[in-house]
C-alpha atoms as a PDB file:
ATOM      1  CA  MET A   1      38.365 -50.824-159.128  1.00  0.00           C
ATOM      2  CA  GLY A   2      40.114 -53.049-156.771  1.00  0.00           C
ATOM      3  CA  LEU A   3      43.523 -51.063-156.448  1.00  0.00           C
ATOM      4  CA  SER A   4      45.645 -51.407-153.393  1.00  0.00           C
ATOM      5  CA  GLY A   5      47.169 -48.457-151.753  1.00  0.00           C
ATOM      6  CA  LEU A   6      50.452 -48.878-153.986  1.00  0.00           C
ATOM      7  CA  GLY A   7      48.263 -49.342-157.020  1.00  0.00           C
ATOM      8  CA  THR A   8      46.425 -46.044-156.337  1.00  0.00           C
ATOM      9  CA  PHE A   9      49.711 -44.130-155.681  1.00  0.00           C
ATOM     10  CA  HIS A  10      51.212 -45.830-158.799  1.00  0.00           C
ATOM     11  CA  THR A  11      48.193 -44.753-160.971  1.00  0.00           C
ATOM     12  CA  ILE A  12      48.125 -41.261-159.705  1.00  0.00           C
ATOM     13  CA  ILE A  13      51.882 -40.791-160.309  1.00  0.00           C
ATOM     14  CA  GLY A  14      51.635 -42.310-163.705  1.00  0.00           C
ATOM     15  CA  ILE A  15      48.637 -40.077-164.613  1.00  0.00           C
ATOM     16  CA  ILE A  16      50.903 -37.030-163.742  1.00  0.00           C
ATOM     17  CA  ALA A  17      53.676 -38.432-165.929  1.00  0.00           C
ATOM     18  CA  ILE A  18      51.380 -38.771-168.887  1.00  0.00           C
ATOM     19  CA  PHE A  19      50.093 -35.185-168.588  1.00  0.00           C
ATOM     20  CA  ALA A  20      53.677 -33.786-168.160  1.00  0.00           C
ATOM     21  CA  ALA A  21      54.755 -35.800-171.341  1.00  0.00           C
ATOM     22  CA  ILE A  22      51.875 -34.349-173.271  1.00  0.00           C
ATOM     23  CA  THR A  23      52.455 -30.916-172.081  1.00  0.00           C
ATOM     24  CA  SER A  24      56.066 -31.094-172.757  1.00  0.00           C
ATOM     25  CA  PHE A  25      55.190 -32.436-176.366  1.00  0.00           C
ATOM     26  CA  ILE A  26      52.738 -29.550-176.868  1.00  0.00           C
ATOM     27  CA  ARG A  27      55.225 -26.958-175.624  1.00  0.00           C
ATOM     28  CA  PHE A  28      58.482 -28.003-177.013  1.00  0.00           C
ATOM     29  CA  GLY A  29      57.629 -30.748-179.657  1.00  0.00           C
ATOM     30  CA  LYS A  30      59.422 -33.295-177.430  1.00  0.00           C
ATOM     31  CA  ILE A  31      59.851 -34.235-173.862  1.00  0.00           C
ATOM     32  CA  GLU A  32      62.339 -31.637-172.766  1.00  0.00           C
ATOM     33  CA  LEU A  33      64.341 -32.508-169.633  1.00  0.00           C
ATOM     34  CA  SER A  34      65.659 -29.152-169.191  1.00  0.00           C
ATOM     35  CA  HIS A  35      62.107 -27.724-168.406  1.00  0.00           C
ATOM     36  CA  LEU A  36      59.852 -28.286-165.664  1.00  0.00           C
ATOM     37  CA  THR A  37      57.421 -30.693-167.534  1.00  0.00           C
ATOM     38  CA  GLY A  38      60.246 -32.672-168.677  1.00  0.00           C
ATOM     39  CA  LYS A  39      61.632 -33.038-165.038  1.00  0.00           C
ATOM     40  CA  ILE A  40      58.169 -34.004-163.845  1.00  0.00           C
ATOM     41  CA  TYR A  41      57.885 -36.673-166.591  1.00  0.00           C
ATOM     42  CA  PHE A  42      61.331 -38.081-165.738  1.00  0.00           C
ATOM     43  CA  TYR A  43      60.889 -38.420-162.000  1.00  0.00           C
ATOM     44  CA  THR A  44      57.240 -39.531-162.150  1.00  0.00           C
ATOM     45  CA  THR A  45      58.047 -42.057-164.759  1.00  0.00           C
ATOM     46  CA  VAL A  46      60.892 -43.349-162.466  1.00  0.00           C
ATOM     47  CA  ILE A  47      58.651 -43.589-159.572  1.00  0.00           C
ATOM     48  CA  THR A  48      55.875 -45.251-161.779  1.00  0.00           C
ATOM     49  CA  ALA A  49      58.222 -47.842-163.063  1.00  0.00           C
ATOM     50  CA  LEU A  50      59.662 -48.621-159.645  1.00  0.00           C
ATOM     51  CA  THR A  51      56.316 -48.842-157.910  1.00  0.00           C
ATOM     52  CA  ALA A  52      55.158 -51.127-160.650  1.00  0.00           C
ATOM     53  CA  LEU A  53      57.563 -53.653-159.494  1.00  0.00           C
ATOM     54  CA  GLY A  54      55.571 -54.079-156.262  1.00  0.00           C
ATOM     55  CA  LEU A  55      52.294 -54.614-158.246  1.00  0.00           C
ATOM     56  CA  SER A  56      50.993 -58.009-159.601  1.00  0.00           C
ATOM     57  CA  LYS A  57      47.571 -59.070-160.483  1.00  0.00           C
ATOM     58  CA  HIS A  58      48.582 -62.521-161.015  1.00  0.00           C
ATOM     59  CA  GLY A  59      51.410 -62.891-158.741  1.00  0.00           C
ATOM     60  CA  GLY A  60      55.016 -63.087-159.258  1.00  0.00           C
ATOM     61  CA  PHE A  61      57.341 -61.385-161.798  1.00  0.00           C
ATOM     62  CA  ASN A  62      55.473 -60.982-165.166  1.00  0.00           C
ATOM     63  CA  ALA A  63      55.498 -58.927-168.552  1.00  0.00           C
ATOM     64  CA  GLY A  64      54.485 -55.784-166.645  1.00  0.00           C
ATOM     65  CA  HIS A  65      57.492 -55.953-164.470  1.00  0.00           C
ATOM     66  CA  VAL A  66      59.700 -56.453-167.482  1.00  0.00           C
ATOM     67  CA  PHE A  67      58.100 -53.142-169.081  1.00  0.00           C
ATOM     68  CA  SER A  68      58.836 -51.389-165.802  1.00  0.00           C
ATOM     69  CA  VAL A  69      62.531 -52.335-165.845  1.00  0.00           C
ATOM     70  CA  PHE A  70      62.867 -51.648-169.563  1.00  0.00           C
ATOM     71  CA  ILE A  71      61.081 -48.165-169.156  1.00  0.00           C
ATOM     72  CA  PHE A  72      63.238 -47.330-166.003  1.00  0.00           C
ATOM     73  CA  THR A  73      66.365 -48.108-168.040  1.00  0.00           C
ATOM     74  CA  ILE A  74      65.380 -46.169-170.995  1.00  0.00           C
ATOM     75  CA  VAL A  75      64.624 -43.056-169.019  1.00  0.00           C
ATOM     76  CA  LEU A  76      67.935 -43.299-167.010  1.00  0.00           C
ATOM     77  CA  ILE A  77      69.953 -43.631-170.279  1.00  0.00           C
ATOM     78  CA  ALA A  78      67.969 -40.630-171.712  1.00  0.00           C
ATOM     79  CA  PHE A  79      68.741 -38.588-168.645  1.00  0.00           C
ATOM     80  CA  TRP A  80      72.324 -39.372-168.827  1.00  0.00           C
ATOM     81  CA  LEU A  81      72.351 -38.560-172.462  1.00  0.00           C
ATOM     82  CA  ASN A  82      70.595 -35.142-171.616  1.00  0.00           C
ATOM     83  CA  HIS A  83      73.683 -34.329-169.501  1.00  0.00           C
ATOM     84  CA  LYS A  84      76.066 -35.177-172.243  1.00  0.00           C
ATOM     85  CA  LYS A  85      75.151 -32.079-174.304  1.00  0.00           C
ATOM     86  CA  THR A  86      78.352 -30.481-175.383  1.00  0.00           C
ATOM     87  CA  GLY A  87      79.294 -31.263-178.928  1.00  0.00           C
ATOM     88  CA  HIS A  88      77.196 -34.376-179.046  1.00  0.00           C
ATOM     89  CA  ASN A  89      74.167 -33.485-181.319  1.00  0.00           C
ATOM     90  CA  LYS A  90      73.499 -37.041-182.252  1.00  0.00           C
ATOM     91  CA  PHE A  91      72.901 -37.707-178.636  1.00  0.00           C
ATOM     92  CA  ARG A  92      69.696 -35.472-178.927  1.00  0.00           C
ATOM     93  CA  TYR A  93      68.200 -37.728-181.575  1.00  0.00           C
ATOM     94  CA  LEU A  94      68.649 -40.814-179.293  1.00  0.00           C
ATOM     95  CA  GLU A  95      67.649 -38.845-176.064  1.00  0.00           C
ATOM     96  CA  ASN A  96      64.251 -37.824-177.976  1.00  0.00           C
ATOM     97  CA  PHE A  97      63.751 -41.292-179.117  1.00  0.00           C
ATOM     98  CA  LEU A  98      64.225 -42.972-175.845  1.00  0.00           C
ATOM     99  CA  LEU A  99      61.989 -40.500-174.061  1.00  0.00           C
ATOM    100  CA  SER A 100      59.286 -40.880-176.731  1.00  0.00           C
ATOM    101  CA  PHE A 101      59.710 -44.748-176.678  1.00  0.00           C
ATOM    102  CA  SER A 102      59.452 -44.744-172.818  1.00  0.00           C
ATOM    103  CA  PHE A 103      56.130 -42.733-173.115  1.00  0.00           C
ATOM    104  CA  PHE A 104      54.884 -45.091-175.744  1.00  0.00           C
ATOM    105  CA  LEU A 105      55.818 -48.181-173.845  1.00  0.00           C
ATOM    106  CA  SER A 106      54.028 -46.696-170.751  1.00  0.00           C
ATOM    107  CA  LEU A 107      50.820 -46.462-172.761  1.00  0.00           C
ATOM    108  CA  ILE A 108      50.763 -50.308-173.289  1.00  0.00           C
ATOM    109  CA  PRO A 109      50.026 -51.200-169.753  1.00  0.00           C
ATOM    110  CA  THR A 110      48.043 -48.034-169.142  1.00  0.00           C
ATOM    111  CA  VAL A 111      45.619 -48.773-172.059  1.00  0.00           C
ATOM    112  CA  ASN A 112      45.418 -52.476-171.049  1.00  0.00           C
ATOM    113  CA  GLU A 113      44.671 -51.684-167.376  1.00  0.00           C
ATOM    114  CA  THR A 114      42.339 -48.866-168.075  1.00  0.00           C
ATOM    115  CA  PHE A 115      40.257 -50.557-170.772  1.00  0.00           C
ATOM    116  CA  THR A 116      39.940 -53.777-168.649  1.00  0.00           C
ATOM    117  CA  ARG A 117      38.768 -51.820-165.419  1.00  0.00           C
ATOM    118  CA  VAL A 118      36.638 -48.772-166.914  1.00  0.00           C
ATOM    119  CA  PRO A 119      33.850 -48.150-166.685  1.00  0.00           C
ATOM    120  CA  ILE A 120      33.572 -50.010-163.450  1.00  0.00           C
ATOM    121  CA  GLY A 121      31.310 -52.935-163.803  1.00  0.00           C
ATOM    122  CA  HIS A 122      31.203 -53.033-167.701  1.00  0.00           C
ATOM    123  CA  PRO A 123      34.732 -52.370-168.841  1.00  0.00           C
ATOM    124  CA  LEU A 124      35.666 -51.576-172.432  1.00  0.00           C
ATOM    125  CA  ALA A 125      37.760 -54.721-172.847  1.00  0.00           C
ATOM    126  CA  ALA A 126      37.330 -58.277-171.457  1.00  0.00           C
ATOM    127  CA  GLY A 127      41.128 -58.771-171.323  1.00  0.00           C
ATOM    128  CA  PRO A 128      44.518 -57.935-172.800  1.00  0.00           C
ATOM    129  CA  THR A 129      43.755 -59.679-176.127  1.00  0.00           C
ATOM    130  CA  ASP A 130      40.596 -57.754-176.752  1.00  0.00           C
ATOM    131  CA  PRO A 131      40.693 -56.047-180.202  1.00  0.00           C
ATOM    132  CA  VAL A 132      39.824 -52.576-178.875  1.00  0.00           C
ATOM    133  CA  ILE A 133      43.271 -52.590-176.932  1.00  0.00           C
ATOM    134  CA  GLY A 134      44.980 -53.896-179.942  1.00  0.00           C
ATOM    135  CA  LYS A 135      43.330 -51.166-182.213  1.00  0.00           C
ATOM    136  CA  THR A 136      43.947 -48.367-179.687  1.00  0.00           C
ATOM    137  CA  LEU A 137      47.813 -49.387-179.256  1.00  0.00           C
ATOM    138  CA  GLY A 138      48.034 -49.521-183.092  1.00  0.00           C
ATOM    139  CA  LEU A 139      46.686 -45.940-183.262  1.00  0.00           C
ATOM    140  CA  PHE A 140      49.123 -44.867-180.516  1.00  0.00           C
ATOM    141  CA  LEU A 141      52.055 -46.587-182.543  1.00  0.00           C
ATOM    142  CA  VAL A 142      51.062 -44.321-185.566  1.00  0.00           C
ATOM    143  CA  PHE A 143      51.091 -41.131-183.279  1.00  0.00           C
ATOM    144  CA  PHE A 144      54.537 -42.385-181.982  1.00  0.00           C
ATOM    145  CA  VAL A 145      56.120 -42.759-185.415  1.00  0.00           C
ATOM    146  CA  ALA A 146      54.542 -39.449-186.614  1.00  0.00           C
ATOM    147  CA  GLY A 147      55.793 -37.763-183.371  1.00  0.00           C
ATOM    148  CA  LEU A 148      59.292 -39.069-183.925  1.00  0.00           C
ATOM    149  CA  VAL A 149      59.368 -37.978-187.520  1.00  0.00           C
ATOM    150  CA  TYR A 150      58.422 -34.519-186.287  1.00  0.00           C
ATOM    151  CA  GLN A 151      60.926 -34.402-183.469  1.00  0.00           C
ATOM    152  CA  PHE A 152      63.686 -35.494-185.718  1.00  0.00           C
ATOM    153  CA  TYR A 153      62.625 -32.920-188.379  1.00  0.00           C
ATOM    154  CA  LYS A 154      62.593 -30.220-185.792  1.00  0.00           C
ATOM    155  CA  GLN A 155      65.909 -31.214-184.076  1.00  0.00           C
ATOM    156  CA  ARG A 156      67.621 -31.236-187.539  1.00  0.00           C
ATOM    157  CA  LYS A 157      66.424 -27.654-188.102  1.00  0.00           C
ATOM    158  CA  LEU A 158      67.870 -26.692-184.533  1.00  0.00           C
ATOM    159  CA  ILE A 159      71.249 -28.212-185.328  1.00  0.00           C
ATOM    160  CA  ARG A 160      71.471 -26.443-188.714  1.00  0.00           C
ATOM    161  CA  VAL A 161      70.753 -23.221-186.989  1.00  0.00           C
ATOM    162  CA  LYS A 162      73.500 -23.646-184.525  1.00  0.00           C
END
Protein backbone atom coordinates (compact mmCIF):
# COMPACT_ATOMS: atom_id res chain seq x y z
CA MET A 1 0.00 0.00 0.00
CA GLY A 2 3.03 2.25 -0.12
CA LEU A 3 3.11 3.23 3.55
CA SER A 4 6.28 4.42 5.24
CA GLY A 5 7.24 3.22 8.70
CA LEU A 6 5.66 6.34 10.19
CA GLY A 7 2.60 5.84 7.98
CA THR A 8 2.21 2.26 9.18
CA PHE A 9 2.56 3.29 12.83
CA HIS A 10 0.12 6.18 12.30
CA THR A 11 -2.42 3.82 10.69
CA ILE A 12 -2.20 1.20 13.45
CA ILE A 13 -2.56 3.78 16.22
CA GLY A 14 -5.44 5.43 14.32
CA ILE A 15 -7.27 2.09 14.01
CA ILE A 16 -6.88 1.55 17.75
CA ALA A 17 -8.36 5.04 18.35
CA ILE A 18 -11.37 4.23 16.14
CA PHE A 19 -12.04 0.93 17.91
CA ALA A 20 -11.65 2.57 21.33
CA ALA A 21 -14.14 5.31 20.39
CA ILE A 22 -16.68 2.83 19.02
CA THR A 23 -16.31 0.65 22.12
CA SER A 24 -16.82 3.67 24.37
CA PHE A 25 -19.87 4.76 22.35
CA ILE A 26 -21.36 1.28 22.71
CA ARG A 27 -20.61 0.97 26.44
CA PHE A 28 -21.36 4.51 27.61
CA GLY A 29 -23.21 6.27 24.77
CA LYS A 30 -20.24 8.64 24.40
CA ILE A 31 -16.47 8.75 24.51
CA GLU A 32 -16.00 8.57 28.27
CA LEU A 33 -12.56 9.92 29.23
CA SER A 34 -12.83 8.60 32.77
CA HIS A 35 -12.85 4.98 31.53
CA LEU A 36 -10.15 2.96 29.81
CA THR A 37 -11.71 3.13 26.33
CA GLY A 38 -11.95 6.91 26.51
CA LYS A 39 -8.38 7.20 27.74
CA ILE A 40 -7.19 4.95 24.92
CA TYR A 41 -9.14 7.09 22.44
CA PHE A 42 -7.65 10.29 23.80
CA TYR A 43 -4.02 9.17 23.82
CA THR A 44 -4.14 7.32 20.50
CA THR A 45 -5.90 10.27 18.86
CA VAL A 46 -3.23 12.63 20.15
CA ILE A 47 -0.50 10.33 18.80
CA THR A 48 -2.31 9.91 15.48
CA ALA A 49 -2.78 13.66 15.08
CA LEU A 50 0.86 14.35 15.86
CA THR A 51 2.24 11.60 13.62
CA ALA A 52 0.04 12.86 10.76
CA LEU A 53 2.12 16.02 10.77
CA GLY A 54 5.07 13.94 9.55
CA LEU A 55 3.13 12.44 6.65
CA SER A 56 2.46 13.95 3.25
CA LYS A 57 1.70 12.28 -0.07
CA HIS A 58 2.02 15.55 -1.94
CA GLY A 59 4.80 17.25 0.03
CA GLY A 60 4.49 20.23 2.32
CA PHE A 61 1.80 21.36 4.70
CA ASN A 62 -1.67 20.42 3.41
CA ALA A 63 -5.33 20.03 4.39
CA GLY A 64 -4.58 16.76 6.19
CA HIS A 65 -2.16 18.58 8.44
CA VAL A 66 -4.77 21.24 9.19
CA PHE A 67 -7.20 18.45 10.17
CA SER A 68 -4.54 16.98 12.46
CA VAL A 69 -3.86 20.26 14.24
CA PHE A 70 -7.60 20.90 14.60
CA ILE A 71 -8.31 17.39 15.94
CA PHE A 72 -5.36 17.66 18.34
CA THR A 73 -6.68 20.99 19.65
CA ILE A 74 -10.24 19.66 19.99
CA VAL A 75 -9.27 16.60 22.04
CA LEU A 76 -7.01 18.70 24.29
CA ILE A 77 -9.88 21.11 25.00
CA ALA A 78 -12.22 18.15 25.69
CA PHE A 79 -9.62 16.66 28.03
CA TRP A 80 -9.35 19.97 29.88
CA LEU A 81 -13.15 20.23 30.12
CA ASN A 82 -13.30 16.69 31.47
CA HIS A 83 -11.12 17.76 34.37
CA LYS A 84 -13.36 20.79 35.11
CA LYS A 85 -16.19 18.56 36.37
CA THR A 86 -17.37 20.18 39.56
CA GLY A 87 -20.52 22.23 39.12
CA HIS A 88 -20.16 22.77 35.37
CA ASN A 89 -22.70 20.45 33.78
CA LYS A 90 -22.78 22.51 30.59
CA PHE A 91 -19.12 21.60 30.10
CA ARG A 92 -20.25 17.96 29.71
CA TYR A 93 -22.25 18.88 26.61
CA LEU A 94 -19.29 20.66 25.07
CA GLU A 95 -16.91 17.87 26.05
CA ASN A 96 -19.21 15.26 24.44
CA PHE A 97 -19.57 17.37 21.31
CA LEU A 98 -15.83 17.95 20.95
CA LEU A 99 -14.92 14.29 21.39
CA SER A 100 -17.61 13.17 18.94
CA PHE A 101 -16.60 15.90 16.50
CA SER A 102 -12.95 14.84 16.73
CA PHE A 103 -14.02 11.28 15.92
CA PHE A 104 -16.09 12.45 12.94
CA LEU A 105 -13.24 14.63 11.65
CA SER A 106 -10.86 11.69 12.00
CA LEU A 107 -13.10 9.68 9.71
CA ILE A 108 -12.67 12.15 6.82
CA PRO A 109 -9.01 11.39 6.08
CA THR A 110 -9.54 7.77 7.18
CA VAL A 111 -12.26 7.18 4.58
CA ASN A 112 -10.30 9.05 1.92
CA GLU A 113 -7.06 7.16 2.51
CA THR A 114 -8.76 3.78 2.89
CA PHE A 115 -11.01 4.09 -0.15
CA THR A 116 -8.17 5.29 -2.40
CA ARG A 117 -5.89 2.40 -1.32
CA VAL A 118 -8.12 -0.63 -0.69
CA PRO A 119 -8.40 -3.15 -2.19
CA ILE A 120 -4.81 -3.04 -3.33
CA GLY A 121 -4.55 -2.66 -7.08
CA HIS A 122 -8.22 -1.78 -7.54
CA PRO A 123 -9.23 0.81 -4.90
CA LEU A 124 -12.86 1.69 -4.19
CA ALA A 125 -12.29 5.37 -5.11
CA ALA A 126 -10.16 7.05 -7.75
CA GLY A 127 -9.46 10.10 -5.60
CA PRO A 128 -10.75 12.36 -2.84
CA THR A 129 -13.54 13.75 -5.04
CA ASP A 130 -14.94 10.31 -5.92
CA PRO A 131 -18.70 10.13 -5.17
CA VAL A 132 -18.32 6.99 -3.05
CA ILE A 133 -16.20 8.98 -0.58
CA GLY A 134 -18.74 11.82 -0.47
CA LYS A 135 -21.67 9.44 0.05
CA THR A 136 -19.83 7.55 2.79
CA LEU A 137 -18.93 10.76 4.61
CA GLY A 138 -22.53 11.96 4.20
CA LEU A 139 -23.72 8.77 5.90
CA PHE A 140 -21.18 9.28 8.69
CA LEU A 141 -22.43 12.86 9.09
CA VAL A 142 -25.96 11.51 9.65
CA PHE A 143 -24.59 9.07 12.25
CA PHE A 144 -22.65 11.93 13.89
CA VAL A 145 -25.75 14.14 14.21
CA ALA A 146 -27.90 11.22 15.44
CA GLY A 147 -25.17 10.32 17.95
CA LEU A 148 -25.05 13.89 19.24
CA VAL A 149 -28.81 13.97 19.73
CA TYR A 150 -28.60 10.67 21.62
CA GLN A 151 -25.67 11.87 23.75
CA PHE A 152 -27.32 15.16 24.65
CA TYR A 153 -30.59 13.38 25.51
CA LYS A 154 -28.73 10.91 27.72
CA GLN A 155 -26.63 13.70 29.30
CA ARG A 156 -29.76 15.72 30.04
CA LYS A 157 -31.32 12.71 31.80
CA LEU A 158 -28.15 12.31 33.92
CA ILE A 159 -28.16 15.97 34.94
CA ARG A 160 -31.84 15.80 35.94
CA VAL A 161 -31.18 12.73 38.12
CA LYS A 162 -28.41 14.51 40.04
